[in-house]
């Protein structure tokens, strides 16, 4: 599958929000309620929120397109982790968080996610980062395998709120 990976622009907010709404539920544990997932999507992954993210100088949203359609995206956040506990776990500085990395189900297993990870690593290396970090739900074994394959190791745990539910994530980091 031939894809292009580029920084998203404000004009991509709606299309990326659509991809986010389709992919976020796939990363949630089975006990996450539809109502909590919908609340999270409305509060965090709406077109309006992506418009904000795309104008934040500390964030970069990368889009992956295939045949002119967005099939995945990643959101990167430069700087210190906001959570004090995560700051202690993440030992590499300067660092970039991979806040989101999602690919539409029809593109799973095609190399799209690996191509996106390569682009993320290239961007972070060029920016002088010593490492990358992310949080991944403890029950999302598929994502954990993917990140492990790309050099990430578990360095701790954190909580992540989706609607009214508290979920548990592994914090993983990778040296560049």
N, C-alpha and C. Protein backbone atom coordinates (compact mmCIF):
# COMPACT_ATOMS: atom_id res chain seq x y z
N UNK A 1 0.85 -1.18 0.00
CA UNK A 1 0.00 0.00 0.00
C UNK A 1 0.89 1.24 0.00
N UNK A 2 0.72 2.11 -0.96
CA UNK A 2 1.49 3.35 -1.05
C UNK A 2 0.74 4.45 -0.31
N UNK A 3 1.43 5.07 0.64
CA UNK A 3 0.82 6.12 1.44
C UNK A 3 1.72 7.35 1.46
N UNK A 4 1.11 8.46 1.78
CA UNK A 4 1.85 9.70 2.01
C UNK A 4 1.64 10.11 3.46
N UNK A 5 2.70 10.57 4.10
CA UNK A 5 2.62 11.03 5.49
C UNK A 5 3.09 12.47 5.51
N UNK A 6 2.20 13.35 5.95
CA UNK A 6 2.48 14.79 5.97
C UNK A 6 1.87 15.42 7.21
N UNK A 7 2.38 16.59 7.59
CA UNK A 7 1.71 17.33 8.66
C UNK A 7 0.29 17.70 8.22
N UNK A 8 -0.66 17.54 9.12
CA UNK A 8 -2.05 17.92 8.84
C UNK A 8 -2.19 19.43 8.96
N UNK A 9 -3.18 19.96 8.30
CA UNK A 9 -3.51 21.38 8.40
C UNK A 9 -4.89 21.54 8.99
N UNK A 10 -5.22 22.74 9.35
CA UNK A 10 -6.52 23.04 9.97
C UNK A 10 -7.66 22.53 9.09
N UNK A 11 -7.48 22.54 7.80
CA UNK A 11 -8.50 22.07 6.85
C UNK A 11 -8.75 20.56 6.97
N UNK A 12 -7.86 19.83 7.67
CA UNK A 12 -8.00 18.39 7.85
C UNK A 12 -8.75 18.02 9.13
N UNK A 13 -9.13 19.01 9.93
CA UNK A 13 -9.72 18.74 11.25
C UNK A 13 -10.90 17.79 11.20
N UNK A 14 -11.81 18.03 10.30
CA UNK A 14 -13.02 17.20 10.23
C UNK A 14 -12.70 15.77 9.81
N UNK A 15 -11.87 15.62 8.81
CA UNK A 15 -11.53 14.27 8.33
C UNK A 15 -10.76 13.50 9.39
N UNK A 16 -9.86 14.16 10.10
CA UNK A 16 -9.10 13.46 11.15
C UNK A 16 -10.03 13.11 12.31
N UNK A 17 -10.95 14.00 12.64
CA UNK A 17 -11.93 13.70 13.70
C UNK A 17 -12.76 12.47 13.31
N UNK A 18 -13.10 12.34 12.05
CA UNK A 18 -13.85 11.16 11.59
C UNK A 18 -13.01 9.88 11.77
N UNK A 19 -11.74 9.95 11.43
CA UNK A 19 -10.85 8.80 11.61
C UNK A 19 -10.72 8.50 13.11
N UNK A 20 -10.58 9.54 13.93
CA UNK A 20 -10.47 9.35 15.38
C UNK A 20 -11.70 8.67 15.95
N UNK A 21 -12.87 9.09 15.50
CA UNK A 21 -14.12 8.50 15.99
C UNK A 21 -14.24 7.03 15.59
N UNK A 22 -13.69 6.68 14.44
CA UNK A 22 -13.76 5.29 13.97
C UNK A 22 -12.71 4.40 14.64
N UNK A 23 -11.58 4.97 15.03
CA UNK A 23 -10.48 4.16 15.53
C UNK A 23 -10.34 4.12 17.04
N UNK A 24 -10.70 5.20 17.74
CA UNK A 24 -10.51 5.22 19.19
C UNK A 24 -11.21 4.06 19.89
N UNK A 25 -12.45 3.74 19.55
CA UNK A 25 -13.11 2.62 20.24
C UNK A 25 -12.35 1.30 20.12
N UNK A 26 -11.59 1.12 19.07
CA UNK A 26 -10.85 -0.13 18.86
C UNK A 26 -9.73 -0.30 19.89
N UNK A 27 -9.25 0.81 20.45
CA UNK A 27 -8.15 0.76 21.41
C UNK A 27 -8.64 0.65 22.85
N UNK A 28 -9.94 0.78 23.05
CA UNK A 28 -10.51 0.75 24.40
C UNK A 28 -10.69 -0.68 24.88
N UNK A 29 -10.56 -0.90 26.20
CA UNK A 29 -10.80 -2.24 26.73
C UNK A 29 -12.27 -2.63 26.58
N UNK A 30 -12.55 -3.92 26.57
CA UNK A 30 -13.92 -4.39 26.33
C UNK A 30 -14.95 -3.86 27.33
N UNK A 31 -14.54 -3.54 28.55
CA UNK A 31 -15.50 -3.06 29.54
C UNK A 31 -15.81 -1.57 29.43
N UNK A 32 -15.16 -0.87 28.50
CA UNK A 32 -15.48 0.56 28.29
C UNK A 32 -16.88 0.66 27.72
N UNK A 33 -17.70 1.51 28.32
CA UNK A 33 -19.08 1.63 27.84
C UNK A 33 -19.14 2.49 26.59
N UNK A 34 -20.14 2.22 25.77
CA UNK A 34 -20.33 3.03 24.56
C UNK A 34 -20.54 4.50 24.92
N UNK A 35 -21.25 4.75 26.02
CA UNK A 35 -21.51 6.13 26.45
C UNK A 35 -20.21 6.84 26.83
N UNK A 36 -19.33 6.17 27.58
CA UNK A 36 -18.06 6.78 27.98
C UNK A 36 -17.16 7.03 26.76
N UNK A 37 -17.15 6.07 25.85
CA UNK A 37 -16.33 6.24 24.63
C UNK A 37 -16.88 7.41 23.81
N UNK A 38 -18.19 7.50 23.67
CA UNK A 38 -18.80 8.60 22.91
C UNK A 38 -18.51 9.95 23.57
N UNK A 39 -18.56 10.00 24.89
CA UNK A 39 -18.24 11.24 25.61
C UNK A 39 -16.80 11.65 25.34
N UNK A 40 -15.88 10.70 25.40
CA UNK A 40 -14.47 11.00 25.14
C UNK A 40 -14.28 11.53 23.72
N UNK A 41 -14.91 10.87 22.77
CA UNK A 41 -14.80 11.31 21.37
C UNK A 41 -15.33 12.74 21.23
N UNK A 42 -16.49 13.02 21.83
CA UNK A 42 -17.06 14.37 21.76
C UNK A 42 -16.18 15.41 22.43
N UNK A 43 -15.58 15.05 23.57
CA UNK A 43 -14.80 16.01 24.36
C UNK A 43 -13.37 16.19 23.87
N UNK A 44 -12.78 15.13 23.33
CA UNK A 44 -11.34 15.15 23.04
C UNK A 44 -11.01 14.99 21.56
N UNK A 45 -11.89 14.36 20.80
CA UNK A 45 -11.56 14.00 19.42
C UNK A 45 -12.49 14.63 18.39
N UNK A 46 -13.13 15.71 18.74
CA UNK A 46 -14.04 16.39 17.80
C UNK A 46 -13.24 17.22 16.80
N UNK A 47 -13.89 17.62 15.72
CA UNK A 47 -13.25 18.50 14.73
C UNK A 47 -12.80 19.80 15.38
N UNK A 48 -13.60 20.32 16.31
CA UNK A 48 -13.24 21.57 17.00
C UNK A 48 -11.96 21.38 17.81
N UNK A 49 -11.85 20.23 18.50
CA UNK A 49 -10.64 19.98 19.29
C UNK A 49 -9.43 19.80 18.38
N UNK A 50 -9.61 19.11 17.25
CA UNK A 50 -8.48 18.96 16.33
C UNK A 50 -8.06 20.30 15.76
N UNK A 51 -9.01 21.20 15.56
CA UNK A 51 -8.65 22.56 15.12
C UNK A 51 -7.75 23.23 16.16
N UNK A 52 -8.04 23.01 17.43
CA UNK A 52 -7.20 23.55 18.51
C UNK A 52 -5.83 22.88 18.50
N UNK A 53 -5.81 21.55 18.39
CA UNK A 53 -4.54 20.83 18.39
C UNK A 53 -3.65 21.29 17.24
N UNK A 54 -4.27 21.52 16.09
CA UNK A 54 -3.50 21.88 14.89
C UNK A 54 -2.94 23.30 14.94
N UNK A 55 -3.39 24.10 15.89
CA UNK A 55 -2.84 25.45 16.05
C UNK A 55 -1.98 25.56 17.30
N UNK A 56 -1.79 24.47 18.02
CA UNK A 56 -0.94 24.45 19.23
C UNK A 56 0.51 24.26 18.78
N UNK A 57 1.40 25.20 19.11
CA UNK A 57 2.78 25.09 18.64
C UNK A 57 3.56 23.91 19.23
N UNK A 58 3.05 23.31 20.31
CA UNK A 58 3.73 22.16 20.91
C UNK A 58 3.23 20.83 20.37
N UNK A 59 2.25 20.87 19.48
CA UNK A 59 1.68 19.63 18.92
C UNK A 59 1.91 19.58 17.42
N UNK A 60 2.09 18.36 16.95
CA UNK A 60 2.16 18.09 15.53
C UNK A 60 1.18 16.95 15.25
N UNK A 61 0.33 17.14 14.28
CA UNK A 61 -0.57 16.07 13.85
C UNK A 61 -0.11 15.66 12.46
N UNK A 62 0.23 14.38 12.34
CA UNK A 62 0.61 13.82 11.05
C UNK A 62 -0.58 13.05 10.50
N UNK A 63 -0.80 13.18 9.21
CA UNK A 63 -1.88 12.43 8.56
C UNK A 63 -1.26 11.46 7.56
N UNK A 64 -1.90 10.32 7.43
CA UNK A 64 -1.49 9.32 6.47
C UNK A 64 -2.60 9.22 5.44
N UNK A 65 -2.26 9.45 4.18
CA UNK A 65 -3.27 9.38 3.13
C UNK A 65 -2.94 8.26 2.15
N UNK A 66 -4.00 7.67 1.64
CA UNK A 66 -3.91 6.65 0.60
C UNK A 66 -5.01 6.96 -0.40
N UNK A 67 -4.63 7.13 -1.64
CA UNK A 67 -5.59 7.49 -2.70
C UNK A 67 -6.42 8.71 -2.33
N UNK A 68 -5.78 9.68 -1.69
CA UNK A 68 -6.43 10.95 -1.36
C UNK A 68 -7.27 10.96 -0.10
N UNK A 69 -7.40 9.80 0.58
CA UNK A 69 -8.19 9.73 1.80
C UNK A 69 -7.28 9.52 3.01
N UNK A 70 -7.64 10.14 4.12
CA UNK A 70 -6.88 9.96 5.36
C UNK A 70 -7.23 8.59 5.94
N UNK A 71 -6.20 7.74 6.13
CA UNK A 71 -6.40 6.39 6.66
C UNK A 71 -5.80 6.22 8.05
N UNK A 72 -5.13 7.27 8.54
CA UNK A 72 -4.55 7.21 9.87
C UNK A 72 -3.97 8.56 10.25
N UNK A 73 -3.65 8.68 11.53
CA UNK A 73 -3.05 9.92 12.00
C UNK A 73 -2.28 9.65 13.29
N UNK A 74 -1.40 10.57 13.60
CA UNK A 74 -0.67 10.55 14.87
C UNK A 74 -0.63 11.97 15.40
N UNK A 75 -0.71 12.10 16.72
CA UNK A 75 -0.54 13.40 17.36
C UNK A 75 0.66 13.31 18.29
N UNK A 76 1.59 14.22 18.09
CA UNK A 76 2.81 14.28 18.87
C UNK A 76 2.80 15.54 19.73
N UNK A 77 3.26 15.40 20.97
CA UNK A 77 3.32 16.55 21.88
C UNK A 77 4.76 16.68 22.35
N UNK A 78 5.37 17.81 22.03
CA UNK A 78 6.75 18.07 22.42
C UNK A 78 6.80 18.63 23.84
N UNK A 79 7.86 18.31 24.55
CA UNK A 79 8.08 18.89 25.88
C UNK A 79 7.88 17.89 27.00
N UNK A 80 7.96 18.44 28.19
CA UNK A 80 7.82 17.63 29.40
C UNK A 80 6.44 17.01 29.50
N UNK A 81 6.35 15.76 29.98
CA UNK A 81 5.03 15.18 30.24
C UNK A 81 4.27 16.03 31.25
N UNK A 82 2.98 16.18 31.05
CA UNK A 82 2.16 17.01 31.94
C UNK A 82 1.98 16.36 33.31
N UNK A 83 1.94 15.05 33.36
CA UNK A 83 1.73 14.30 34.59
C UNK A 83 3.06 14.14 35.34
N UNK A 84 3.09 14.56 36.61
CA UNK A 84 4.33 14.50 37.41
C UNK A 84 4.85 13.07 37.54
N UNK A 85 3.96 12.09 37.70
CA UNK A 85 4.40 10.70 37.82
C UNK A 85 5.04 10.22 36.52
N UNK A 86 4.45 10.60 35.39
CA UNK A 86 5.01 10.22 34.10
C UNK A 86 6.37 10.90 33.90
N UNK A 87 6.51 12.13 34.37
CA UNK A 87 7.80 12.82 34.27
C UNK A 87 8.91 11.99 34.92
N UNK A 88 8.59 11.36 36.05
CA UNK A 88 9.59 10.54 36.75
C UNK A 88 9.90 9.25 35.99
N UNK A 89 8.89 8.69 35.33
CA UNK A 89 9.08 7.42 34.60
C UNK A 89 9.88 7.61 33.31
N UNK A 90 9.60 8.71 32.63
CA UNK A 90 10.23 8.96 31.33
C UNK A 90 11.60 9.58 31.59
N UNK A 91 12.64 8.84 31.28
CA UNK A 91 14.00 9.26 31.65
C UNK A 91 14.76 9.98 30.54
N UNK A 92 14.26 9.95 29.31
CA UNK A 92 14.99 10.53 28.19
C UNK A 92 14.52 11.96 27.95
N UNK A 93 15.46 12.89 27.83
CA UNK A 93 15.13 14.28 27.57
C UNK A 93 16.06 14.82 26.49
N UNK A 94 15.62 15.71 25.63
CA UNK A 94 14.22 16.09 25.44
C UNK A 94 13.41 14.93 24.88
N UNK A 95 12.09 15.01 25.09
CA UNK A 95 11.21 13.92 24.71
C UNK A 95 9.99 14.43 23.97
N UNK A 96 9.37 13.54 23.23
CA UNK A 96 8.10 13.81 22.55
C UNK A 96 7.15 12.68 22.90
N UNK A 97 5.92 13.04 23.23
CA UNK A 97 4.88 12.05 23.49
C UNK A 97 4.17 11.71 22.18
N UNK A 98 3.97 10.42 21.96
CA UNK A 98 3.06 9.99 20.90
C UNK A 98 1.70 9.88 21.60
N UNK A 99 0.93 10.94 21.51
CA UNK A 99 -0.35 11.01 22.20
C UNK A 99 -1.40 10.13 21.53
N UNK A 100 -1.35 10.07 20.22
CA UNK A 100 -2.31 9.27 19.46
C UNK A 100 -1.61 8.72 18.22
N UNK A 101 -1.94 7.48 17.90
CA UNK A 101 -1.43 6.86 16.68
C UNK A 101 -2.47 5.81 16.28
N UNK A 102 -3.27 6.14 15.29
CA UNK A 102 -4.39 5.29 14.90
C UNK A 102 -4.44 5.12 13.39
N UNK A 103 -4.84 3.92 12.98
CA UNK A 103 -5.00 3.58 11.58
C UNK A 103 -6.37 2.93 11.42
N UNK A 104 -7.09 3.29 10.35
CA UNK A 104 -8.39 2.69 10.09
C UNK A 104 -8.26 1.17 9.93
N UNK A 105 -9.26 0.42 10.38
CA UNK A 105 -9.19 -1.05 10.32
C UNK A 105 -8.85 -1.61 8.94
N UNK A 106 -9.34 -1.01 7.87
CA UNK A 106 -9.04 -1.50 6.53
C UNK A 106 -7.58 -1.40 6.15
N UNK A 107 -6.81 -0.63 6.94
CA UNK A 107 -5.38 -0.47 6.66
C UNK A 107 -4.50 -1.20 7.67
N UNK A 108 -5.13 -1.93 8.62
CA UNK A 108 -4.33 -2.72 9.56
C UNK A 108 -3.58 -3.80 8.80
N UNK A 109 -2.34 -4.05 9.21
CA UNK A 109 -1.56 -5.11 8.60
C UNK A 109 -0.96 -4.78 7.25
N UNK A 110 -1.06 -3.51 6.83
CA UNK A 110 -0.56 -3.13 5.51
C UNK A 110 0.78 -2.39 5.57
N UNK A 111 1.29 -2.15 6.77
CA UNK A 111 2.53 -1.38 6.92
C UNK A 111 2.31 0.09 7.14
N UNK A 112 1.06 0.54 7.16
CA UNK A 112 0.76 1.97 7.35
C UNK A 112 1.24 2.44 8.71
N UNK A 113 0.94 1.68 9.76
CA UNK A 113 1.34 2.09 11.11
C UNK A 113 2.87 2.12 11.24
N UNK A 114 3.54 1.16 10.66
CA UNK A 114 5.01 1.15 10.71
C UNK A 114 5.59 2.34 9.95
N UNK A 115 5.01 2.67 8.82
CA UNK A 115 5.46 3.84 8.06
C UNK A 115 5.26 5.12 8.88
N UNK A 116 4.13 5.18 9.59
CA UNK A 116 3.87 6.35 10.43
C UNK A 116 4.89 6.41 11.57
N UNK A 117 5.20 5.26 12.19
CA UNK A 117 6.19 5.26 13.27
C UNK A 117 7.55 5.69 12.72
N UNK A 118 7.92 5.25 11.54
CA UNK A 118 9.19 5.69 10.95
C UNK A 118 9.21 7.20 10.76
N UNK A 119 8.10 7.78 10.32
CA UNK A 119 8.01 9.23 10.14
C UNK A 119 8.11 9.95 11.48
N UNK A 120 7.50 9.39 12.50
CA UNK A 120 7.57 9.98 13.85
C UNK A 120 9.01 9.98 14.35
N UNK A 121 9.68 8.85 14.21
CA UNK A 121 11.07 8.74 14.65
C UNK A 121 11.95 9.72 13.88
N UNK A 122 11.75 9.81 12.59
CA UNK A 122 12.52 10.74 11.76
C UNK A 122 12.32 12.19 12.23
N UNK A 123 11.06 12.56 12.49
CA UNK A 123 10.75 13.91 12.94
C UNK A 123 11.39 14.20 14.29
N UNK A 124 11.25 13.26 15.24
CA UNK A 124 11.79 13.47 16.58
C UNK A 124 13.31 13.52 16.57
N UNK A 125 13.94 12.69 15.76
CA UNK A 125 15.40 12.71 15.65
C UNK A 125 15.87 14.04 15.08
N UNK A 126 15.20 14.51 14.02
CA UNK A 126 15.57 15.80 13.42
C UNK A 126 15.39 16.95 14.40
N UNK A 127 14.42 16.82 15.32
CA UNK A 127 14.17 17.87 16.31
C UNK A 127 15.12 17.78 17.50
N UNK A 128 16.00 16.77 17.51
CA UNK A 128 16.96 16.64 18.58
C UNK A 128 16.45 15.93 19.83
N UNK A 129 15.37 15.20 19.70
CA UNK A 129 14.83 14.47 20.85
C UNK A 129 15.73 13.28 21.19
N UNK A 130 15.81 12.98 22.48
CA UNK A 130 16.54 11.80 22.94
C UNK A 130 15.64 10.58 22.97
N UNK A 131 14.31 10.82 23.02
CA UNK A 131 13.40 9.70 23.10
C UNK A 131 11.97 10.06 22.82
N UNK A 132 11.16 9.02 22.72
CA UNK A 132 9.72 9.12 22.55
C UNK A 132 9.07 8.36 23.69
N UNK A 133 7.85 8.76 24.04
CA UNK A 133 7.10 8.00 25.04
C UNK A 133 5.63 8.00 24.66
N UNK A 134 4.88 7.08 25.26
CA UNK A 134 3.45 6.95 25.01
C UNK A 134 2.79 6.18 26.14
N UNK A 135 1.47 6.25 26.16
CA UNK A 135 0.68 5.42 27.05
C UNK A 135 -0.17 4.50 26.20
N UNK A 136 -0.30 3.24 26.64
CA UNK A 136 -1.11 2.26 25.91
C UNK A 136 -1.89 1.44 26.93
N UNK A 137 -3.16 1.23 26.66
CA UNK A 137 -4.01 0.50 27.59
C UNK A 137 -3.41 -0.87 27.87
N UNK A 138 -3.44 -1.26 29.14
CA UNK A 138 -2.84 -2.53 29.54
C UNK A 138 -3.51 -3.73 28.88
N UNK A 139 -4.75 -3.58 28.43
CA UNK A 139 -5.44 -4.70 27.78
C UNK A 139 -5.27 -4.69 26.25
N UNK A 140 -4.63 -3.66 25.72
CA UNK A 140 -4.45 -3.57 24.27
C UNK A 140 -3.13 -4.25 23.87
N UNK A 141 -3.18 -5.57 23.87
CA UNK A 141 -1.99 -6.38 23.62
C UNK A 141 -1.46 -6.17 22.21
N UNK A 142 -2.34 -6.02 21.25
CA UNK A 142 -1.91 -5.82 19.86
C UNK A 142 -1.04 -4.56 19.74
N UNK A 143 -1.49 -3.45 20.34
CA UNK A 143 -0.72 -2.21 20.30
C UNK A 143 0.60 -2.37 21.06
N UNK A 144 0.57 -3.05 22.18
CA UNK A 144 1.81 -3.26 22.95
C UNK A 144 2.84 -4.03 22.13
N UNK A 145 2.38 -5.06 21.40
CA UNK A 145 3.30 -5.81 20.53
C UNK A 145 3.89 -4.91 19.45
N UNK A 146 3.03 -4.07 18.85
CA UNK A 146 3.49 -3.15 17.81
C UNK A 146 4.57 -2.22 18.37
N UNK A 147 4.30 -1.61 19.52
CA UNK A 147 5.27 -0.68 20.10
C UNK A 147 6.56 -1.41 20.50
N UNK A 148 6.44 -2.61 21.05
CA UNK A 148 7.62 -3.39 21.40
C UNK A 148 8.47 -3.69 20.18
N UNK A 149 7.82 -4.02 19.08
CA UNK A 149 8.52 -4.29 17.81
C UNK A 149 9.28 -3.06 17.33
N UNK A 150 8.81 -1.89 17.73
CA UNK A 150 9.44 -0.63 17.32
C UNK A 150 10.34 -0.04 18.40
N UNK A 151 10.77 -0.86 19.34
CA UNK A 151 11.80 -0.47 20.29
C UNK A 151 11.31 0.16 21.58
N UNK A 152 10.01 0.17 21.83
CA UNK A 152 9.50 0.74 23.08
C UNK A 152 9.52 -0.31 24.19
N UNK A 153 9.83 0.13 25.40
CA UNK A 153 9.80 -0.74 26.58
C UNK A 153 8.94 -0.09 27.65
N UNK A 154 8.34 -0.93 28.48
CA UNK A 154 7.50 -0.44 29.58
C UNK A 154 8.38 0.17 30.66
N UNK A 155 7.97 1.36 31.12
CA UNK A 155 8.72 2.04 32.18
C UNK A 155 7.84 2.37 33.38
N UNK A 156 6.54 2.05 33.31
CA UNK A 156 5.65 2.33 34.43
C UNK A 156 4.20 2.24 34.00
N UNK A 157 3.32 2.75 34.87
CA UNK A 157 1.89 2.75 34.60
C UNK A 157 1.30 4.11 34.94
N UNK A 158 0.15 4.38 34.35
CA UNK A 158 -0.60 5.60 34.64
C UNK A 158 -2.08 5.29 34.48
N UNK A 159 -2.90 6.21 34.96
CA UNK A 159 -4.34 6.07 34.75
C UNK A 159 -4.75 6.99 33.61
N UNK A 160 -5.85 6.62 32.95
CA UNK A 160 -6.35 7.37 31.81
C UNK A 160 -7.87 7.33 31.91
N UNK A 161 -8.49 8.51 31.92
CA UNK A 161 -9.93 8.60 32.11
C UNK A 161 -10.65 8.68 30.77
N UNK A 162 -11.63 7.81 30.60
CA UNK A 162 -12.50 7.82 29.43
C UNK A 162 -13.92 7.93 29.96
N UNK A 163 -14.52 9.10 29.78
CA UNK A 163 -15.86 9.33 30.32
C UNK A 163 -15.83 9.27 31.83
N UNK A 164 -16.53 8.31 32.40
CA UNK A 164 -16.60 8.15 33.85
C UNK A 164 -15.70 7.03 34.36
N UNK A 165 -14.99 6.36 33.46
CA UNK A 165 -14.18 5.21 33.84
C UNK A 165 -12.69 5.53 33.85
N UNK A 166 -12.02 4.96 34.83
CA UNK A 166 -10.57 5.07 34.92
C UNK A 166 -9.98 3.79 34.33
N UNK A 167 -9.09 3.96 33.37
CA UNK A 167 -8.42 2.84 32.73
C UNK A 167 -6.95 2.88 33.12
N UNK A 168 -6.28 1.76 32.92
CA UNK A 168 -4.88 1.66 33.30
C UNK A 168 -4.02 1.44 32.06
N UNK A 169 -3.03 2.30 31.93
CA UNK A 169 -2.12 2.26 30.79
C UNK A 169 -0.73 1.87 31.24
N UNK A 170 0.01 1.26 30.33
CA UNK A 170 1.45 1.16 30.49
C UNK A 170 2.04 2.41 29.89
N UNK A 171 3.08 2.93 30.51
CA UNK A 171 3.88 4.00 29.93
C UNK A 171 5.08 3.31 29.31
N UNK A 172 5.32 3.61 28.03
CA UNK A 172 6.43 3.00 27.30
C UNK A 172 7.30 4.12 26.72
N UNK A 173 8.59 3.85 26.63
CA UNK A 173 9.49 4.83 26.01
C UNK A 173 10.49 4.13 25.10
N UNK A 174 11.05 4.94 24.23
CA UNK A 174 12.04 4.44 23.27
C UNK A 174 13.14 5.49 23.12
N UNK A 175 14.37 5.05 23.15
CA UNK A 175 15.51 5.93 22.90
C UNK A 175 15.68 6.11 21.40
N UNK A 176 16.13 7.30 21.01
CA UNK A 176 16.39 7.58 19.59
C UNK A 176 17.88 7.59 19.32
